[in-house]
Amino acid sequence: MKRIALIFCIVLSLILFIRIFRILWYDFSRLTDYGFGYLAGSVILFLLFASFSYLLARKPAQRDN
């Protein structure tokens, strides 16, 4: 289940990154106030899913007893 969640978060992060890049590269000069809000929301979602991916992918610390 953890692996499925990790793959899901990585795929969504990649999709959001591509969407953000396309907006910044092709449409930045034509953005309205609503467009900037859409871009900001996409960046927030990208950061959220990227951080979930990082948290799911890291391994727990080894304890030496």
N, C-alpha and C. Protein backbone atom coordinates (compact mmCIF):
# COMPACT_ATOMS: atom_id res chain seq x y z
N MET A 1 0.82 -1.19 0.00
CA MET A 1 0.00 0.00 0.00
C MET A 1 0.87 1.26 0.00
N LYS A 2 1.97 1.21 0.74
CA LYS A 2 2.86 2.35 0.79
C LYS A 2 3.50 2.61 -0.58
N ARG A 3 3.82 1.54 -1.30
CA ARG A 3 4.43 1.68 -2.62
C ARG A 3 3.44 2.29 -3.61
N ILE A 4 2.18 1.91 -3.52
CA ILE A 4 1.16 2.46 -4.42
C ILE A 4 0.98 3.96 -4.15
N ALA A 5 0.95 4.33 -2.87
CA ALA A 5 0.82 5.74 -2.52
C ALA A 5 2.03 6.53 -3.01
N LEU A 6 3.22 5.93 -2.90
CA LEU A 6 4.44 6.59 -3.37
C LEU A 6 4.39 6.81 -4.87
N ILE A 7 4.02 5.80 -5.62
CA ILE A 7 3.94 5.93 -7.08
C ILE A 7 2.88 6.96 -7.47
N PHE A 8 1.74 6.95 -6.78
CA PHE A 8 0.68 7.91 -7.04
C PHE A 8 1.17 9.33 -6.81
N CYS A 9 1.87 9.57 -5.71
CA CYS A 9 2.39 10.91 -5.39
C CYS A 9 3.45 11.35 -6.40
N ILE A 10 4.31 10.43 -6.81
CA ILE A 10 5.35 10.78 -7.78
C ILE A 10 4.73 11.13 -9.13
N VAL A 11 3.75 10.36 -9.57
CA VAL A 11 3.10 10.64 -10.86
C VAL A 11 2.38 11.98 -10.81
N LEU A 12 1.66 12.25 -9.73
CA LEU A 12 0.98 13.54 -9.63
C LEU A 12 1.97 14.69 -9.56
N SER A 13 3.08 14.50 -8.87
CA SER A 13 4.11 15.54 -8.81
C SER A 13 4.68 15.83 -10.19
N LEU A 14 4.93 14.79 -10.97
CA LEU A 14 5.45 14.99 -12.32
C LEU A 14 4.45 15.71 -13.22
N ILE A 15 3.19 15.32 -13.13
CA ILE A 15 2.15 15.97 -13.93
C ILE A 15 2.04 17.45 -13.56
N LEU A 16 2.05 17.74 -12.26
CA LEU A 16 1.96 19.13 -11.82
C LEU A 16 3.19 19.92 -12.22
N PHE A 17 4.38 19.31 -12.14
CA PHE A 17 5.60 20.00 -12.54
C PHE A 17 5.56 20.35 -14.02
N ILE A 18 5.11 19.43 -14.86
CA ILE A 18 5.01 19.69 -16.29
C ILE A 18 3.99 20.80 -16.56
N ARG A 19 2.87 20.76 -15.85
CA ARG A 19 1.84 21.80 -16.03
C ARG A 19 2.37 23.17 -15.62
N ILE A 20 3.08 23.23 -14.49
CA ILE A 20 3.65 24.50 -14.03
C ILE A 20 4.69 25.01 -15.02
N PHE A 21 5.55 24.12 -15.50
CA PHE A 21 6.57 24.51 -16.47
C PHE A 21 5.95 25.05 -17.74
N ARG A 22 4.91 24.40 -18.23
CA ARG A 22 4.25 24.87 -19.45
C ARG A 22 3.62 26.23 -19.27
N ILE A 23 3.02 26.46 -18.10
CA ILE A 23 2.42 27.78 -17.83
C ILE A 23 3.51 28.84 -17.79
N LEU A 24 4.60 28.56 -17.09
CA LEU A 24 5.67 29.55 -16.97
C LEU A 24 6.38 29.79 -18.30
N TRP A 25 6.53 28.76 -19.10
CA TRP A 25 7.28 28.89 -20.35
C TRP A 25 6.46 29.53 -21.47
N TYR A 26 5.20 29.08 -21.61
CA TYR A 26 4.41 29.50 -22.77
C TYR A 26 3.39 30.61 -22.47
N ASP A 27 2.83 30.64 -21.29
CA ASP A 27 1.68 31.51 -21.04
C ASP A 27 1.90 32.56 -19.95
N PHE A 28 3.11 32.76 -19.49
CA PHE A 28 3.32 33.67 -18.37
C PHE A 28 2.92 35.10 -18.70
N SER A 29 3.18 35.54 -19.90
CA SER A 29 2.88 36.93 -20.27
C SER A 29 1.37 37.17 -20.40
N ARG A 30 0.58 36.12 -20.58
CA ARG A 30 -0.86 36.28 -20.77
C ARG A 30 -1.67 35.96 -19.52
N LEU A 31 -1.02 35.73 -18.39
CA LEU A 31 -1.75 35.34 -17.19
C LEU A 31 -2.56 36.50 -16.62
N THR A 32 -3.79 36.20 -16.23
CA THR A 32 -4.64 37.16 -15.54
C THR A 32 -4.50 36.91 -14.04
N ASP A 33 -5.28 37.63 -13.25
CA ASP A 33 -5.27 37.40 -11.81
C ASP A 33 -5.71 35.97 -11.49
N TYR A 34 -6.70 35.49 -12.20
CA TYR A 34 -7.16 34.12 -11.99
C TYR A 34 -6.09 33.11 -12.42
N GLY A 35 -5.36 33.44 -13.47
CA GLY A 35 -4.29 32.57 -13.93
C GLY A 35 -3.16 32.47 -12.91
N PHE A 36 -2.83 33.60 -12.27
CA PHE A 36 -1.81 33.57 -11.22
C PHE A 36 -2.30 32.76 -10.02
N GLY A 37 -3.58 32.84 -9.72
CA GLY A 37 -4.14 32.02 -8.64
C GLY A 37 -4.08 30.54 -8.97
N TYR A 38 -4.36 30.20 -10.22
CA TYR A 38 -4.27 28.82 -10.67
C TYR A 38 -2.83 28.32 -10.59
N LEU A 39 -1.90 29.19 -11.00
CA LEU A 39 -0.49 28.84 -10.94
C LEU A 39 -0.03 28.65 -9.49
N ALA A 40 -0.45 29.54 -8.60
CA ALA A 40 -0.08 29.42 -7.19
C ALA A 40 -0.67 28.15 -6.58
N GLY A 41 -1.90 27.83 -6.91
CA GLY A 41 -2.51 26.60 -6.41
C GLY A 41 -1.79 25.36 -6.93
N SER A 42 -1.37 25.40 -8.18
CA SER A 42 -0.63 24.27 -8.75
C SER A 42 0.72 24.10 -8.07
N VAL A 43 1.38 25.22 -7.76
CA VAL A 43 2.67 25.14 -7.07
C VAL A 43 2.49 24.56 -5.67
N ILE A 44 1.44 24.98 -4.97
CA ILE A 44 1.18 24.45 -3.63
C ILE A 44 0.91 22.95 -3.69
N LEU A 45 0.10 22.52 -4.65
CA LEU A 45 -0.17 21.09 -4.79
C LEU A 45 1.09 20.31 -5.15
N PHE A 46 1.94 20.88 -6.02
CA PHE A 46 3.19 20.23 -6.37
C PHE A 46 4.07 20.05 -5.14
N LEU A 47 4.21 21.10 -4.35
CA LEU A 47 5.03 21.01 -3.15
C LEU A 47 4.46 20.00 -2.15
N LEU A 48 3.15 19.95 -2.05
CA LEU A 48 2.50 19.00 -1.15
C LEU A 48 2.76 17.55 -1.57
N PHE A 49 2.54 17.25 -2.83
CA PHE A 49 2.75 15.88 -3.30
C PHE A 49 4.23 15.51 -3.36
N ALA A 50 5.10 16.48 -3.64
CA ALA A 50 6.53 16.20 -3.63
C ALA A 50 7.00 15.89 -2.21
N SER A 51 6.48 16.61 -1.23
CA SER A 51 6.88 16.34 0.15
C SER A 51 6.31 15.01 0.62
N PHE A 52 5.09 14.66 0.21
CA PHE A 52 4.55 13.33 0.53
C PHE A 52 5.41 12.24 -0.09
N SER A 53 5.85 12.46 -1.31
CA SER A 53 6.71 11.48 -1.97
C SER A 53 8.01 11.30 -1.20
N TYR A 54 8.58 12.41 -0.75
CA TYR A 54 9.82 12.33 0.02
C TYR A 54 9.60 11.57 1.32
N LEU A 55 8.51 11.88 2.01
CA LEU A 55 8.25 11.22 3.29
C LEU A 55 7.97 9.73 3.12
N LEU A 56 7.32 9.36 2.04
CA LEU A 56 7.04 7.95 1.81
C LEU A 56 8.27 7.19 1.33
N ALA A 57 9.19 7.87 0.66
CA ALA A 57 10.34 7.19 0.08
C ALA A 57 11.49 7.02 1.07
N ARG A 58 11.58 7.89 2.07
CA ARG A 58 12.71 7.77 2.99
C ARG A 58 12.54 6.56 3.88
N LYS A 59 13.67 6.03 4.27
CA LYS A 59 13.66 4.85 5.12
C LYS A 59 13.77 5.28 6.57
N PRO A 60 13.15 4.53 7.48
CA PRO A 60 13.26 4.89 8.89
C PRO A 60 14.70 4.76 9.39
N ALA A 61 15.04 5.56 10.36
CA ALA A 61 16.40 5.55 10.90
C ALA A 61 16.67 4.24 11.64
N GLN A 62 17.87 3.77 11.51
CA GLN A 62 18.29 2.54 12.19
C GLN A 62 18.68 2.88 13.62
N ARG A 63 18.19 2.10 14.56
CA ARG A 63 18.57 2.31 15.95
C ARG A 63 19.56 1.24 16.36
N ASP A 64 20.62 1.67 17.01
CA ASP A 64 21.62 0.73 17.53
C ASP A 64 21.42 0.59 19.02
N ASN A 65 20.99 -0.60 19.43
CA ASN A 65 20.79 -0.85 20.87
C ASN A 65 21.82 -1.82 21.36
